[in-house]
Structures are given as C-alpha cells and as structure tokens.
Amino acid sequence: MTDRRIAEFMGFVAATLVVMSALHLVGGMGEGADAGIPEAVIAVVLAVGALALGRGARGVGLGAILFAVVGFGIGLSFTARDGSAVDLAYHAVMLPLLLYALVRLSGTSRRGRASRRAA
C-alpha cells in the first residue's frame, strides 16, 4: 500500500466520520449525541494528516492515524456499553482498517529510512 493510497484511505475515513458526527449531533443515531464532537475532531485530524502525508510528511500521517486508532478504541469502548448496532459495527469495521493502515505506513517509513541509509 503506497503513501498515496493510505492518504486516500485516511480521507475516506475522515469523510465517514463527518457523516457519523453529523448523524450523532442531529440525533439521527438515537442516544450518543456526545460522540459527535470527538468524531468531528478525529475527522479533522485525519484530513490534515492525509493532506500532510500526500505532501510527504509521513510522521504527521502516522500521528494522525495513531490519534484515530486511539479515538476509535475509546469510541468502541463506549459504544460497546451504550451504542447502537450501527455504531458498534462502524467502530468494529473501521478500527482494524485503521490499524492496518498504521502498520503499512509505519512499515513503509522504516523501509524508506533503511533504503536511504543503504544508498
């Protein structure tokens, strides 16, 4: 998975978070309106991280994905106790995908550094 693909994925996740945030904030998801603000914050962080990654700033991209992973983990813990089935499914699907992107990007970063050192 290339940096460009990871940045595109980050943008996609940010867009889904905007939708989920809006649904929470307008009451479209039943209870859990408090989740709207954290989801919006994670969306902004991921969008900025995607733009930065697209311009070659891997550290910013890694930080953004890590922030999202932690946020989704926290969200999943709340959702598991009080959330709807849709909310639970959303967190349960997106968290592993974010973890995969984190692993891929961190692996790419290590390979890039190693190849620069070898040259």
N, C-alpha and C. Protein backbone atom coordinates (compact mmCIF):
# COMPACT_ATOMS: atom_id res chain seq x y z
N MET A 1 0.86 -1.18 0.00
CA MET A 1 0.00 0.00 0.00
C MET A 1 0.90 1.23 0.00
N THR A 2 0.71 2.11 -0.95
CA THR A 2 1.55 3.29 -1.07
C THR A 2 1.07 4.41 -0.14
N ASP A 3 1.94 5.38 0.06
CA ASP A 3 1.55 6.54 0.87
C ASP A 3 0.31 7.21 0.29
N ARG A 4 0.25 7.27 -1.03
CA ARG A 4 -0.91 7.91 -1.67
C ARG A 4 -2.20 7.16 -1.34
N ARG A 5 -2.15 5.85 -1.41
CA ARG A 5 -3.32 5.04 -1.08
C ARG A 5 -3.72 5.20 0.38
N ILE A 6 -2.74 5.24 1.24
CA ILE A 6 -3.02 5.42 2.66
C ILE A 6 -3.65 6.79 2.89
N ALA A 7 -3.11 7.81 2.23
CA ALA A 7 -3.69 9.16 2.35
C ALA A 7 -5.13 9.18 1.85
N GLU A 8 -5.39 8.49 0.76
CA GLU A 8 -6.76 8.41 0.24
C GLU A 8 -7.68 7.70 1.24
N PHE A 9 -7.18 6.63 1.83
CA PHE A 9 -7.96 5.91 2.84
C PHE A 9 -8.25 6.82 4.04
N MET A 10 -7.24 7.56 4.47
CA MET A 10 -7.43 8.48 5.60
C MET A 10 -8.52 9.51 5.26
N GLY A 11 -8.51 10.00 4.04
CA GLY A 11 -9.55 10.94 3.61
C GLY A 11 -10.92 10.30 3.61
N PHE A 12 -10.98 9.05 3.18
CA PHE A 12 -12.25 8.32 3.19
C PHE A 12 -12.77 8.17 4.62
N VAL A 13 -11.90 7.75 5.52
CA VAL A 13 -12.33 7.58 6.92
C VAL A 13 -12.77 8.92 7.49
N ALA A 14 -12.05 9.98 7.17
CA ALA A 14 -12.44 11.32 7.64
C ALA A 14 -13.85 11.66 7.15
N ALA A 15 -14.14 11.34 5.90
CA ALA A 15 -15.47 11.63 5.35
C ALA A 15 -16.55 10.82 6.07
N THR A 16 -16.26 9.55 6.36
CA THR A 16 -17.26 8.74 7.07
C THR A 16 -17.47 9.29 8.49
N LEU A 17 -16.40 9.78 9.08
CA LEU A 17 -16.53 10.36 10.42
C LEU A 17 -17.38 11.63 10.40
N VAL A 18 -17.25 12.41 9.37
CA VAL A 18 -18.08 13.61 9.25
C VAL A 18 -19.55 13.22 9.20
N VAL A 19 -19.86 12.18 8.43
CA VAL A 19 -21.25 11.70 8.34
C VAL A 19 -21.73 11.20 9.69
N MET A 20 -20.93 10.36 10.33
CA MET A 20 -21.32 9.82 11.64
C MET A 20 -21.46 10.95 12.68
N SER A 21 -20.56 11.89 12.64
CA SER A 21 -20.61 13.02 13.57
C SER A 21 -21.91 13.80 13.37
N ALA A 22 -22.22 14.09 12.13
CA ALA A 22 -23.45 14.84 11.84
C ALA A 22 -24.68 14.07 12.30
N LEU A 23 -24.70 12.77 12.04
CA LEU A 23 -25.83 11.95 12.48
C LEU A 23 -25.97 11.98 14.00
N HIS A 24 -24.86 11.89 14.70
CA HIS A 24 -24.92 11.95 16.16
C HIS A 24 -25.40 13.32 16.64
N LEU A 25 -24.86 14.36 16.05
CA LEU A 25 -25.18 15.71 16.52
C LEU A 25 -26.63 16.11 16.27
N VAL A 26 -27.23 15.60 15.21
CA VAL A 26 -28.63 15.93 14.94
C VAL A 26 -29.60 14.92 15.54
N GLY A 27 -29.06 13.93 16.26
CA GLY A 27 -29.91 12.95 16.92
C GLY A 27 -30.35 11.82 16.04
N GLY A 28 -29.73 11.66 14.87
CA GLY A 28 -30.11 10.60 13.94
C GLY A 28 -29.67 9.22 14.37
N MET A 29 -28.85 9.13 15.39
CA MET A 29 -28.36 7.83 15.85
C MET A 29 -28.95 7.48 17.21
N GLY A 30 -30.03 8.15 17.58
CA GLY A 30 -30.62 7.89 18.90
C GLY A 30 -29.75 8.51 19.96
N GLU A 31 -29.43 7.74 20.97
CA GLU A 31 -28.59 8.24 22.04
C GLU A 31 -27.14 8.31 21.56
N GLY A 32 -26.33 9.01 22.30
CA GLY A 32 -24.91 9.09 21.96
C GLY A 32 -24.54 10.35 21.22
N ALA A 33 -25.32 11.42 21.39
CA ALA A 33 -25.01 12.68 20.72
C ALA A 33 -23.64 13.20 21.13
N ASP A 34 -23.17 12.80 22.30
CA ASP A 34 -21.85 13.24 22.77
C ASP A 34 -20.74 12.75 21.86
N ALA A 35 -20.97 11.71 21.10
CA ALA A 35 -19.94 11.16 20.21
C ALA A 35 -19.68 12.05 19.01
N GLY A 36 -20.59 12.95 18.70
CA GLY A 36 -20.44 13.79 17.52
C GLY A 36 -19.21 14.67 17.54
N ILE A 37 -18.89 15.26 18.67
CA ILE A 37 -17.73 16.15 18.76
C ILE A 37 -16.42 15.39 18.60
N PRO A 38 -16.19 14.31 19.37
CA PRO A 38 -14.94 13.57 19.17
C PRO A 38 -14.78 13.03 17.74
N GLU A 39 -15.87 12.59 17.14
CA GLU A 39 -15.78 12.10 15.77
C GLU A 39 -15.39 13.23 14.82
N ALA A 40 -15.91 14.42 15.04
CA ALA A 40 -15.54 15.56 14.21
C ALA A 40 -14.06 15.90 14.38
N VAL A 41 -13.57 15.84 15.61
CA VAL A 41 -12.16 16.13 15.88
C VAL A 41 -11.27 15.10 15.17
N ILE A 42 -11.61 13.84 15.28
CA ILE A 42 -10.82 12.79 14.62
C ILE A 42 -10.87 12.99 13.10
N ALA A 43 -12.02 13.38 12.57
CA ALA A 43 -12.14 13.63 11.13
C ALA A 43 -11.18 14.73 10.69
N VAL A 44 -11.12 15.81 11.45
CA VAL A 44 -10.22 16.92 11.10
C VAL A 44 -8.76 16.47 11.17
N VAL A 45 -8.41 15.76 12.23
CA VAL A 45 -7.03 15.29 12.38
C VAL A 45 -6.66 14.36 11.22
N LEU A 46 -7.55 13.44 10.85
CA LEU A 46 -7.26 12.54 9.74
C LEU A 46 -7.17 13.28 8.41
N ALA A 47 -8.03 14.26 8.20
CA ALA A 47 -7.98 15.03 6.95
C ALA A 47 -6.67 15.80 6.83
N VAL A 48 -6.27 16.44 7.91
CA VAL A 48 -4.99 17.17 7.91
C VAL A 48 -3.83 16.19 7.73
N GLY A 49 -3.90 15.05 8.40
CA GLY A 49 -2.87 14.03 8.25
C GLY A 49 -2.79 13.50 6.83
N ALA A 50 -3.93 13.31 6.20
CA ALA A 50 -3.96 12.83 4.81
C ALA A 50 -3.31 13.84 3.88
N LEU A 51 -3.64 15.11 4.06
CA LEU A 51 -3.02 16.15 3.24
C LEU A 51 -1.52 16.20 3.46
N ALA A 52 -1.10 16.12 4.70
CA ALA A 52 0.33 16.15 5.01
C ALA A 52 1.04 14.93 4.43
N LEU A 53 0.43 13.77 4.56
CA LEU A 53 1.03 12.56 4.02
C LEU A 53 1.15 12.66 2.50
N GLY A 54 0.14 13.23 1.87
CA GLY A 54 0.19 13.44 0.43
C GLY A 54 1.33 14.34 0.00
N ARG A 55 1.80 15.16 0.90
CA ARG A 55 2.93 16.05 0.61
C ARG A 55 4.25 15.51 1.16
N GLY A 56 4.23 14.26 1.62
CA GLY A 56 5.47 13.62 2.03
C GLY A 56 5.76 13.62 3.52
N ALA A 57 4.87 14.16 4.33
CA ALA A 57 5.10 14.22 5.78
C ALA A 57 4.57 12.95 6.44
N ARG A 58 5.35 11.89 6.39
CA ARG A 58 4.91 10.61 6.94
C ARG A 58 4.68 10.67 8.44
N GLY A 59 5.52 11.40 9.15
CA GLY A 59 5.36 11.49 10.60
C GLY A 59 4.01 12.07 10.98
N VAL A 60 3.57 13.07 10.24
CA VAL A 60 2.26 13.67 10.51
C VAL A 60 1.17 12.66 10.19
N GLY A 61 1.32 11.94 9.08
CA GLY A 61 0.34 10.92 8.72
C GLY A 61 0.26 9.83 9.77
N LEU A 62 1.42 9.37 10.23
CA LEU A 62 1.44 8.35 11.28
C LEU A 62 0.77 8.85 12.55
N GLY A 63 1.10 10.07 12.93
CA GLY A 63 0.49 10.64 14.13
C GLY A 63 -1.02 10.74 14.02
N ALA A 64 -1.49 11.12 12.83
CA ALA A 64 -2.94 11.25 12.62
C ALA A 64 -3.63 9.91 12.70
N ILE A 65 -3.02 8.89 12.09
CA ILE A 65 -3.63 7.56 12.15
C ILE A 65 -3.61 7.03 13.57
N LEU A 66 -2.50 7.24 14.26
CA LEU A 66 -2.42 6.79 15.65
C LEU A 66 -3.48 7.48 16.51
N PHE A 67 -3.66 8.78 16.31
CA PHE A 67 -4.71 9.52 17.02
C PHE A 67 -6.08 8.91 16.74
N ALA A 68 -6.33 8.58 15.47
CA ALA A 68 -7.62 7.98 15.09
C ALA A 68 -7.80 6.60 15.71
N VAL A 69 -6.73 5.81 15.73
CA VAL A 69 -6.81 4.47 16.33
C VAL A 69 -7.18 4.58 17.80
N VAL A 70 -6.51 5.48 18.51
CA VAL A 70 -6.82 5.66 19.93
C VAL A 70 -8.27 6.15 20.08
N GLY A 71 -8.66 7.11 19.26
CA GLY A 71 -10.02 7.63 19.32
C GLY A 71 -11.07 6.57 19.03
N PHE A 72 -10.82 5.75 18.02
CA PHE A 72 -11.76 4.68 17.70
C PHE A 72 -11.79 3.64 18.82
N GLY A 73 -10.65 3.38 19.42
CA GLY A 73 -10.62 2.43 20.55
C GLY A 73 -11.46 2.93 21.71
N ILE A 74 -11.31 4.20 22.02
CA ILE A 74 -12.12 4.80 23.09
C ILE A 74 -13.59 4.78 22.69
N GLY A 75 -13.87 5.16 21.45
CA GLY A 75 -15.25 5.15 20.96
C GLY A 75 -15.87 3.77 21.01
N LEU A 76 -15.08 2.76 20.65
CA LEU A 76 -15.59 1.39 20.68
C LEU A 76 -15.91 0.97 22.11
N SER A 77 -15.10 1.39 23.06
CA SER A 77 -15.38 1.01 24.45
C SER A 77 -16.69 1.63 24.94
N PHE A 78 -16.96 2.87 24.54
CA PHE A 78 -18.24 3.50 24.92
C PHE A 78 -19.39 2.86 24.15
N THR A 79 -19.16 2.63 22.86
CA THR A 79 -20.22 2.07 22.01
C THR A 79 -20.59 0.66 22.45
N ALA A 80 -19.62 -0.11 22.89
CA ALA A 80 -19.91 -1.49 23.33
C ALA A 80 -20.85 -1.49 24.52
N ARG A 81 -20.78 -0.44 25.33
CA ARG A 81 -21.66 -0.38 26.51
C ARG A 81 -23.02 0.23 26.20
N ASP A 82 -23.04 1.31 25.42
CA ASP A 82 -24.27 2.08 25.26
C ASP A 82 -24.71 2.34 23.83
N GLY A 83 -23.96 1.89 22.85
CA GLY A 83 -24.23 2.30 21.48
C GLY A 83 -25.21 1.43 20.73
N SER A 84 -25.59 1.93 19.57
CA SER A 84 -26.48 1.18 18.69
C SER A 84 -25.68 0.13 17.93
N ALA A 85 -26.38 -0.77 17.29
CA ALA A 85 -25.73 -1.81 16.50
C ALA A 85 -24.96 -1.20 15.33
N VAL A 86 -25.51 -0.16 14.72
CA VAL A 86 -24.85 0.51 13.60
C VAL A 86 -23.54 1.15 14.07
N ASP A 87 -23.60 1.82 15.18
CA ASP A 87 -22.41 2.46 15.75
C ASP A 87 -21.35 1.43 16.10
N LEU A 88 -21.77 0.35 16.70
CA LEU A 88 -20.84 -0.71 17.06
C LEU A 88 -20.19 -1.32 15.81
N ALA A 89 -20.99 -1.59 14.81
CA ALA A 89 -20.46 -2.15 13.56
C ALA A 89 -19.48 -1.19 12.90
N TYR A 90 -19.82 0.10 12.89
CA TYR A 90 -18.93 1.10 12.29
C TYR A 90 -17.56 1.09 12.97
N HIS A 91 -17.56 1.15 14.29
CA HIS A 91 -16.29 1.14 15.02
C HIS A 91 -15.54 -0.18 14.83
N ALA A 92 -16.27 -1.27 14.85
CA ALA A 92 -15.64 -2.59 14.73
C ALA A 92 -15.04 -2.83 13.35
N VAL A 93 -15.58 -2.19 12.33
CA VAL A 93 -15.03 -2.33 10.98
C VAL A 93 -13.87 -1.36 10.77
N MET A 94 -14.02 -0.13 11.19
CA MET A 94 -13.02 0.90 10.89
C MET A 94 -11.75 0.75 11.73
N LEU A 95 -11.86 0.32 12.96
CA LEU A 95 -10.67 0.21 13.81
C LEU A 95 -9.62 -0.75 13.22
N PRO A 96 -9.98 -1.96 12.80
CA PRO A 96 -8.96 -2.82 12.20
C PRO A 96 -8.37 -2.25 10.91
N LEU A 97 -9.19 -1.56 10.13
CA LEU A 97 -8.68 -0.95 8.90
C LEU A 97 -7.68 0.16 9.21
N LEU A 98 -7.97 0.94 10.23
CA LEU A 98 -7.02 1.98 10.64
C LEU A 98 -5.73 1.35 11.18
N LEU A 99 -5.85 0.28 11.93
CA LEU A 99 -4.66 -0.43 12.41
C LEU A 99 -3.83 -0.96 11.25
N TYR A 100 -4.48 -1.49 10.26
CA TYR A 100 -3.78 -1.98 9.07
C TYR A 100 -3.03 -0.83 8.38
N ALA A 101 -3.70 0.30 8.21
CA ALA A 101 -3.06 1.46 7.59
C ALA A 101 -1.87 1.94 8.41
N LEU A 102 -2.02 1.92 9.72
CA LEU A 102 -0.92 2.32 10.61
C LEU A 102 0.28 1.40 10.44
N VAL A 103 0.04 0.11 10.40
CA VAL A 103 1.12 -0.86 10.23
C VAL A 103 1.78 -0.67 8.87
N ARG A 104 0.98 -0.52 7.83
CA ARG A 104 1.53 -0.35 6.48
C ARG A 104 2.35 0.93 6.38
N LEU A 105 1.85 2.01 6.94
CA LEU A 105 2.57 3.28 6.84
C LEU A 105 3.84 3.24 7.68
N SER A 106 3.78 2.64 8.84
CA SER A 106 4.99 2.57 9.66
C SER A 106 6.01 1.64 9.02
N GLY A 107 5.57 0.59 8.37
CA GLY A 107 6.48 -0.30 7.64
C GLY A 107 7.11 0.40 6.46
N THR A 108 6.32 1.19 5.75
CA THR A 108 6.83 1.97 4.63
C THR A 108 7.88 2.95 5.11
N SER A 109 7.63 3.57 6.25
CA SER A 109 8.57 4.54 6.78
C SER A 109 9.89 3.88 7.11
N ARG A 110 9.84 2.71 7.73
CA ARG A 110 11.07 2.00 8.10
C ARG A 110 11.83 1.58 6.86
N ARG A 111 11.12 1.06 5.85
CA ARG A 111 11.79 0.63 4.62
C ARG A 111 12.42 1.82 3.92
N GLY A 112 11.73 2.95 3.94
CA GLY A 112 12.26 4.16 3.29
C GLY A 112 13.54 4.63 3.96
N ARG A 113 13.56 4.62 5.29
CA ARG A 113 14.75 5.03 6.02
C ARG A 113 15.90 4.06 5.76
N ALA A 114 15.60 2.76 5.75
CA ALA A 114 16.63 1.75 5.56
C ALA A 114 17.24 1.88 4.15
N SER A 115 16.41 2.11 3.15
CA SER A 115 16.95 2.21 1.80
C SER A 115 17.75 3.50 1.62
N ARG A 116 17.36 4.58 2.32
CA ARG A 116 18.14 5.82 2.24
C ARG A 116 19.49 5.64 2.91
N ARG A 117 19.54 4.89 4.02
CA ARG A 117 20.81 4.65 4.71
C ARG A 117 21.73 3.78 3.86
N ALA A 118 21.16 2.81 3.16
CA ALA A 118 21.97 1.90 2.37
C ALA A 118 22.57 2.59 1.14
N ALA A 119 21.93 3.63 0.68
CA ALA A 119 22.40 4.32 -0.55
C ALA A 119 23.59 5.20 -0.32
